[in-house]
Amino acid sequence: MENRSDSETNSIFSLSAALSYGIASMAMVFINKAILMQYTNSMTLLTLQQLVTTLLIHFGRRMGYTKAKAVDMSTAIKLLPISLFYNANVAFALASLKGVNIPMYIAIKRLTPLAVLIAGFFSGKGRPTTQVTLSVILTAAGVIIAALGDFSFDLFGYSMALTSVFFQTMYLVLVEKSGAEDGLSSVEIMLYNSLLSIPFLLFVIIATGEFPNSLSLLFAKSSSLYFLVILILSLVMGIVLNFTMFLCTIVNSALTTTIVGVLKGVGSTTLGFVLLGGVQVHALNVMGLVINTAGGVWYSYAKYHQKKNRPPKPVPDVEAHNK
């Protein structure tokens, strides 16, 4: 009876982690789009998010609200390339949102599984199942069709989104190969990620000339209550998104996190047509997005069954991460 109760508790916790990530991820796309419509300095915004994350975790440790361990140099060195790819992914994603509407942004980001499969092929990984292959091809075809019917086509925005897909793929492949995040809690991964990000991001905003003008503009716009609210929401939700993403990966798996990301895109695509504007409806665009979404859902279904048919591991993920 006790084992059954523990199993039910773990299942509820796993489901809660997945749902939390899905909701946070969906909300973050719209919040980022809203603030970038008012404030275009995306790299400064990302730097602020990482700085606030670092400070909150630091003071949380000092006040006893979190049991995150102190920073270990050898772990930091292992996580450095992963952190750089992660931040490059987020930075290019934010840049793409300046010119790409939300439905098309989500459609392009669904190309990540295709990129992961291609990377796996060149790195000598086993061939994917027929269902997985066909689903990612359908997803990619949907993007091409949708782009042909996109009246607001922005070459720069599309380029940024595709570059974001590349860096996200590199991040996922590197995490899988290195195992650098094994044994770390979600809060500890956030701490390492934000600490390692800040020097790199500071260098970028100074080298590109974004700073200090971006800071002056930020203070000037902060007199608007609407801007101040979405700025605070962006900073808070950046922390919530990172926490829920790492938590979902730890208590479930990287596959679950990817599937949740694809499924939340269905809701985001629908809401993207009516919220924040910027979408001119065209039959070809809508048809492409429907095909793209169908491919994403099919991919999730295929990967779920692929994992379900594998023999169980001797030690569950949750136990391994709790050691």
Protein backbone atom coordinates (compact mmCIF):
# COMPACT_ATOMS: atom_id res chain seq x y z
CA MET A 1 0.00 0.00 0.00
CA GLU A 2 2.86 2.35 0.90
CA ASN A 3 4.62 1.69 -2.44
CA ARG A 4 1.38 2.37 -4.29
CA SER A 5 0.92 5.63 -2.38
CA ASP A 6 4.51 6.69 -3.19
CA SER A 7 3.95 5.82 -6.84
CA GLU A 8 0.77 7.93 -6.97
CA THR A 9 2.55 10.84 -5.28
CA ASN A 10 5.42 10.65 -7.79
CA SER A 11 2.93 10.51 -10.69
CA ILE A 12 1.10 13.62 -9.42
CA PHE A 13 4.42 15.44 -8.90
CA SER A 14 5.59 14.49 -12.41
CA LEU A 15 2.31 15.64 -13.96
CA SER A 16 2.40 18.89 -11.97
CA ALA A 17 5.97 19.58 -13.16
CA ALA A 18 4.97 19.00 -16.81
CA LEU A 19 1.82 21.16 -16.55
CA SER A 20 3.73 23.96 -14.79
CA TYR A 21 6.34 24.01 -17.54
CA GLY A 22 3.68 24.02 -20.27
CA ILE A 23 1.77 26.95 -18.73
CA ALA A 24 4.94 28.95 -17.97
CA SER A 25 6.33 28.35 -21.46
CA MET A 26 3.09 29.42 -23.14
CA ALA A 27 2.79 32.57 -20.99
CA MET A 28 6.44 33.52 -21.57
CA VAL A 29 6.07 33.69 -25.37
CA PHE A 30 3.26 36.26 -25.09
CA ILE A 31 4.95 38.26 -22.30
CA ASN A 32 8.20 38.48 -24.29
CA LYS A 33 6.31 39.50 -27.44
CA ALA A 34 4.43 42.17 -25.46
CA ILE A 35 7.56 43.71 -23.95
CA LEU A 36 9.57 43.54 -27.20
CA MET A 37 6.80 45.55 -28.89
CA GLN A 38 7.63 48.30 -26.35
CA TYR A 39 11.35 47.71 -25.76
CA THR A 40 13.45 46.20 -28.55
CA ASN A 41 16.73 45.67 -26.64
CA SER A 42 16.36 41.90 -26.26
CA MET A 43 19.91 41.19 -25.06
CA THR A 44 19.62 43.71 -22.22
CA LEU A 45 16.31 42.09 -21.26
CA LEU A 46 17.94 38.64 -21.17
CA THR A 47 20.85 40.00 -19.10
CA LEU A 48 18.40 41.46 -16.56
CA GLN A 49 16.53 38.14 -16.35
CA GLN A 50 19.75 36.24 -15.58
CA LEU A 51 20.93 38.89 -13.09
CA VAL A 52 17.63 38.80 -11.18
CA THR A 53 17.75 34.98 -11.16
CA THR A 54 21.27 34.97 -9.69
CA LEU A 55 20.41 37.51 -6.98
CA LEU A 56 17.18 35.76 -5.95
CA ILE A 57 18.86 32.34 -5.63
CA HIS A 58 21.83 33.88 -3.75
CA PHE A 59 19.61 35.62 -1.20
CA GLY A 60 17.36 32.56 -1.03
CA ARG A 61 20.39 30.46 -0.01
CA ARG A 62 21.53 33.04 2.55
CA MET A 63 18.06 33.21 4.13
CA GLY A 64 17.58 29.44 4.10
CA TYR A 65 14.73 29.31 1.58
CA THR A 66 16.65 26.98 -0.74
CA LYS A 67 19.21 24.25 -0.09
CA ALA A 68 21.17 24.82 -3.29
CA LYS A 69 24.83 23.87 -2.88
CA ALA A 70 27.68 26.35 -3.30
CA VAL A 71 29.15 26.78 -6.79
CA ASP A 72 31.74 24.14 -7.69
CA MET A 73 34.37 25.18 -10.26
CA SER A 74 34.66 21.78 -11.97
CA THR A 75 30.87 21.60 -12.42
CA ALA A 76 30.85 25.18 -13.72
CA ILE A 77 33.49 24.32 -16.35
CA LYS A 78 31.43 21.31 -17.51
CA LEU A 79 28.29 23.44 -17.76
CA LEU A 80 29.91 26.42 -19.50
CA PRO A 81 29.39 25.32 -23.16
CA ILE A 82 25.85 24.16 -22.33
CA SER A 83 25.08 27.55 -20.78
CA LEU A 84 26.46 29.40 -23.82
CA PHE A 85 24.30 27.37 -26.24
CA TYR A 86 21.25 27.84 -24.00
CA ASN A 87 21.68 31.61 -23.89
CA ALA A 88 22.37 31.82 -27.61
CA ASN A 89 19.09 29.94 -28.19
CA VAL A 90 17.12 32.35 -25.96
CA ALA A 91 18.86 35.46 -27.35
CA PHE A 92 18.09 34.58 -31.00
CA ALA A 93 14.54 33.53 -30.05
CA LEU A 94 13.93 36.93 -28.44
CA ALA A 95 15.43 38.70 -31.47
CA SER A 96 13.13 36.74 -33.81
CA LEU A 97 10.01 37.79 -31.88
CA LYS A 98 10.66 41.40 -32.93
CA GLY A 99 9.69 40.58 -36.52
CA VAL A 100 7.87 37.23 -36.50
CA ASN A 101 4.28 36.77 -35.34
CA ILE A 102 3.66 34.22 -32.58
CA PRO A 103 2.04 31.43 -34.69
CA MET A 104 4.95 31.48 -37.18
CA TYR A 105 7.53 31.70 -34.38
CA ILE A 106 6.09 28.57 -32.76
CA ALA A 107 5.92 26.79 -36.13
CA ILE A 108 9.61 27.49 -36.83
CA LYS A 109 10.62 26.38 -33.32
CA ARG A 110 8.89 23.05 -34.01
CA LEU A 111 11.72 22.36 -36.48
CA THR A 112 13.95 21.52 -33.48
CA PRO A 113 13.12 17.75 -33.53
CA LEU A 114 14.09 17.64 -37.24
CA ALA A 115 17.38 19.37 -36.45
CA VAL A 116 18.00 16.96 -33.54
CA LEU A 117 17.39 13.97 -35.85
CA ILE A 118 19.85 15.35 -38.43
CA ALA A 119 22.44 15.99 -35.70
CA GLY A 120 21.90 12.45 -34.39
CA PHE A 121 22.39 11.00 -37.87
CA PHE A 122 25.76 12.73 -38.31
CA SER A 123 26.88 11.79 -34.78
CA GLY A 124 26.27 8.08 -35.44
CA LYS A 125 23.02 7.70 -33.49
CA GLY A 126 20.56 4.97 -34.46
CA ARG A 127 17.98 5.58 -37.18
CA PRO A 128 14.67 7.04 -35.91
CA THR A 129 11.41 5.13 -36.35
CA THR A 130 9.33 5.66 -39.48
CA GLN A 131 6.64 7.51 -37.51
CA VAL A 132 9.16 9.93 -35.98
CA THR A 133 10.76 10.59 -39.39
CA LEU A 134 7.43 11.19 -41.15
CA SER A 135 6.14 13.44 -38.34
CA VAL A 136 9.15 15.78 -38.47
CA ILE A 137 8.97 15.90 -42.28
CA LEU A 138 5.28 16.87 -41.99
CA THR A 139 6.21 19.55 -39.42
CA ALA A 140 8.87 21.00 -41.74
CA ALA A 141 6.48 20.93 -44.74
CA GLY A 142 3.94 22.85 -42.64
CA VAL A 143 6.50 25.60 -41.93
CA ILE A 144 7.29 26.02 -45.65
CA ILE A 145 3.61 26.20 -46.63
CA ALA A 146 2.82 28.62 -43.77
CA ALA A 147 5.77 30.86 -44.71
CA LEU A 148 4.52 31.08 -48.33
CA GLY A 149 1.23 32.50 -47.01
CA ASP A 150 2.77 34.81 -44.39
CA PHE A 151 1.94 38.40 -45.41
CA SER A 152 4.14 39.74 -42.61
CA PHE A 153 7.20 37.74 -43.76
CA ASP A 154 10.34 39.17 -42.14
CA LEU A 155 13.63 37.72 -43.41
CA PHE A 156 15.59 38.91 -40.37
CA GLY A 157 13.01 37.46 -37.96
CA TYR A 158 12.92 34.11 -39.77
CA SER A 159 16.75 33.98 -39.82
CA MET A 160 16.88 34.65 -36.06
CA ALA A 161 14.27 31.95 -35.35
CA LEU A 162 16.13 29.37 -37.48
CA THR A 163 19.42 30.27 -35.75
CA SER A 164 17.64 29.79 -32.42
CA VAL A 165 16.60 26.29 -33.58
CA PHE A 166 20.27 25.51 -34.36
CA PHE A 167 21.47 26.58 -30.90
CA GLN A 168 18.61 24.79 -29.15
CA THR A 169 19.58 21.62 -31.02
CA MET A 170 23.22 21.99 -29.99
CA TYR A 171 22.11 22.58 -26.40
CA LEU A 172 19.93 19.43 -26.32
CA VAL A 173 22.60 17.25 -27.99
CA LEU A 174 25.30 18.54 -25.63
CA VAL A 175 23.18 17.96 -22.51
CA GLU A 176 22.41 14.40 -23.64
CA LYS A 177 26.04 13.57 -24.47
CA SER A 178 27.77 15.24 -21.50
CA GLY A 179 25.40 14.34 -18.66
CA ALA A 180 26.76 17.52 -17.02
CA GLU A 181 23.42 18.28 -15.32
CA ASP A 182 23.18 14.88 -13.59
CA GLY A 183 22.86 15.09 -9.81
CA LEU A 184 21.98 18.80 -9.76
CA SER A 185 18.65 20.19 -8.55
CA SER A 186 16.62 22.53 -10.77
CA VAL A 187 17.60 25.52 -8.59
CA GLU A 188 21.31 24.62 -8.81
CA ILE A 189 21.14 24.31 -12.61
CA MET A 190 19.46 27.75 -12.73
CA LEU A 191 22.21 29.21 -10.52
CA TYR A 192 25.03 27.84 -12.69
CA ASN A 193 23.26 28.85 -15.88
CA SER A 194 22.64 32.44 -14.78
CA LEU A 195 26.11 32.91 -13.25
CA LEU A 196 27.87 31.62 -16.35
CA SER A 197 25.60 33.69 -18.61
CA ILE A 198 26.14 37.12 -17.08
CA PRO A 199 29.80 37.75 -18.18
CA PHE A 200 29.01 36.56 -21.73
CA LEU A 201 25.83 38.67 -21.98
CA LEU A 202 27.53 41.77 -20.56
CA PHE A 203 30.25 41.41 -23.18
CA VAL A 204 27.64 41.10 -25.96
CA ILE A 205 25.55 44.15 -24.97
CA ILE A 206 28.70 46.29 -24.63
CA ALA A 207 30.34 45.00 -27.84
CA THR A 208 27.15 45.53 -29.89
CA GLY A 209 26.65 49.05 -28.51
CA GLU A 210 23.27 48.14 -26.99
CA PHE A 211 24.53 49.30 -23.57
CA PRO A 212 24.33 51.97 -22.06
CA ASN A 213 21.57 53.42 -24.31
CA SER A 214 19.35 50.41 -23.56
CA LEU A 215 19.55 51.16 -19.84
CA SER A 216 18.64 54.84 -20.34
CA LEU A 217 15.66 53.79 -22.49
CA LEU A 218 14.62 51.26 -19.83
CA PHE A 219 14.52 53.95 -17.11
CA ALA A 220 12.65 56.34 -19.41
CA LYS A 221 9.98 53.74 -20.26
CA SER A 222 9.60 52.66 -16.62
CA SER A 223 7.46 55.74 -16.02
CA SER A 224 4.68 53.88 -17.86
CA LEU A 225 2.74 51.58 -15.52
CA TYR A 226 1.89 49.16 -18.37
CA PHE A 227 5.56 48.81 -19.34
CA LEU A 228 6.63 48.40 -15.70
CA VAL A 229 4.08 45.61 -15.17
CA ILE A 230 5.12 43.61 -18.26
CA LEU A 231 8.81 44.17 -17.43
CA ILE A 232 8.35 42.74 -13.91
CA LEU A 233 6.26 39.90 -15.37
CA SER A 234 9.02 39.18 -17.89
CA LEU A 235 11.72 39.05 -15.19
CA VAL A 236 9.62 36.87 -12.86
CA MET A 237 8.37 34.55 -15.61
CA GLY A 238 11.93 34.14 -16.93
CA ILE A 239 12.83 32.61 -13.55
CA VAL A 240 9.63 30.55 -13.38
CA LEU A 241 10.13 29.21 -16.92
CA ASN A 242 13.74 28.14 -16.27
CA PHE A 243 12.82 26.53 -12.96
CA THR A 244 9.85 24.59 -14.36
CA MET A 245 11.83 23.51 -17.45
CA PHE A 246 14.73 22.12 -15.43
CA LEU A 247 12.31 20.59 -12.89
CA CYS A 248 10.29 18.88 -15.64
CA THR A 249 13.50 17.48 -17.17
CA ILE A 250 14.73 16.17 -13.79
CA VAL A 251 11.52 14.54 -12.49
CA ASN A 252 10.39 13.31 -15.91
CA SER A 253 12.90 13.36 -18.79
CA ALA A 254 14.24 15.56 -21.59
CA LEU A 255 11.78 13.79 -23.91
CA THR A 256 8.80 14.79 -21.72
CA THR A 257 10.00 18.39 -21.69
CA THR A 258 10.24 18.37 -25.51
CA ILE A 259 6.76 16.83 -25.89
CA VAL A 260 5.20 19.35 -23.47
CA GLY A 261 6.89 22.12 -25.46
CA VAL A 262 5.32 20.84 -28.67
CA LEU A 263 1.84 20.39 -27.17
CA LYS A 264 1.73 23.83 -25.51
CA GLY A 265 2.47 25.21 -28.97
CA VAL A 266 -1.00 24.12 -30.08
CA GLY A 267 -2.60 26.50 -27.59
CA SER A 268 -0.06 29.25 -28.24
CA THR A 269 -0.63 29.07 -32.01
CA THR A 270 -4.40 29.43 -31.55
CA LEU A 271 -4.09 32.32 -29.08
CA GLY A 272 -1.42 33.94 -31.25
CA PHE A 273 -4.00 34.72 -33.93
CA VAL A 274 -6.09 36.85 -31.56
CA LEU A 275 -3.63 38.25 -28.98
CA LEU A 276 -1.13 41.12 -29.53
CA GLY A 277 -1.99 41.45 -33.24
CA GLY A 278 0.53 41.20 -36.08
CA VAL A 279 -1.18 38.28 -37.83
CA GLN A 280 -2.75 38.74 -41.27
CA VAL A 281 -4.81 35.63 -41.93
CA HIS A 282 -4.27 33.86 -45.27
CA ALA A 283 -5.62 30.41 -46.22
CA LEU A 284 -2.15 29.11 -47.15
CA ASN A 285 -0.68 30.36 -43.86
CA VAL A 286 -3.45 28.76 -41.79
CA MET A 287 -3.19 25.47 -43.72
CA GLY A 288 0.58 25.38 -43.16
CA LEU A 289 0.18 26.04 -39.43
CA VAL A 290 -2.44 23.26 -39.15
CA ILE A 291 -0.08 20.82 -40.94
CA ASN A 292 2.81 21.96 -38.74
CA THR A 293 0.75 21.49 -35.56
CA ALA A 294 -0.45 18.05 -36.70
CA GLY A 295 3.18 17.06 -37.30
CA GLY A 296 4.13 18.27 -33.83
CA VAL A 297 1.36 16.27 -32.15
CA TRP A 298 2.22 13.18 -34.24
CA TYR A 299 5.88 13.54 -33.24
CA SER A 300 4.90 13.68 -29.55
CA TYR A 301 2.71 10.57 -29.95
CA ALA A 302 5.47 8.67 -31.80
CA LYS A 303 8.15 9.55 -29.24
CA TYR A 304 5.86 8.65 -26.33
CA HIS A 305 5.20 5.18 -27.74
CA GLN A 306 8.86 4.73 -28.63
CA LYS A 307 9.83 5.38 -25.00
CA LYS A 308 6.95 3.24 -23.67
CA ASN A 309 8.16 0.23 -25.67
CA ARG A 310 11.71 0.45 -24.31
CA PRO A 311 12.69 -1.86 -21.44
CA PRO A 312 12.59 -0.04 -18.05
CA LYS A 313 15.82 1.19 -16.51
CA PRO A 314 16.98 -0.35 -13.19
CA VAL A 315 16.92 3.03 -11.39
CA PRO A 316 14.16 5.59 -12.09
CA ASP A 317 15.13 9.14 -13.08
CA VAL A 318 13.71 10.65 -9.87
CA GLU A 319 15.77 8.37 -7.63
CA ALA A 320 18.94 8.97 -9.65
CA HIS A 321 18.58 12.73 -9.32
CA ASN A 322 17.79 12.50 -5.58
CA LYS A 323 21.07 10.75 -4.81
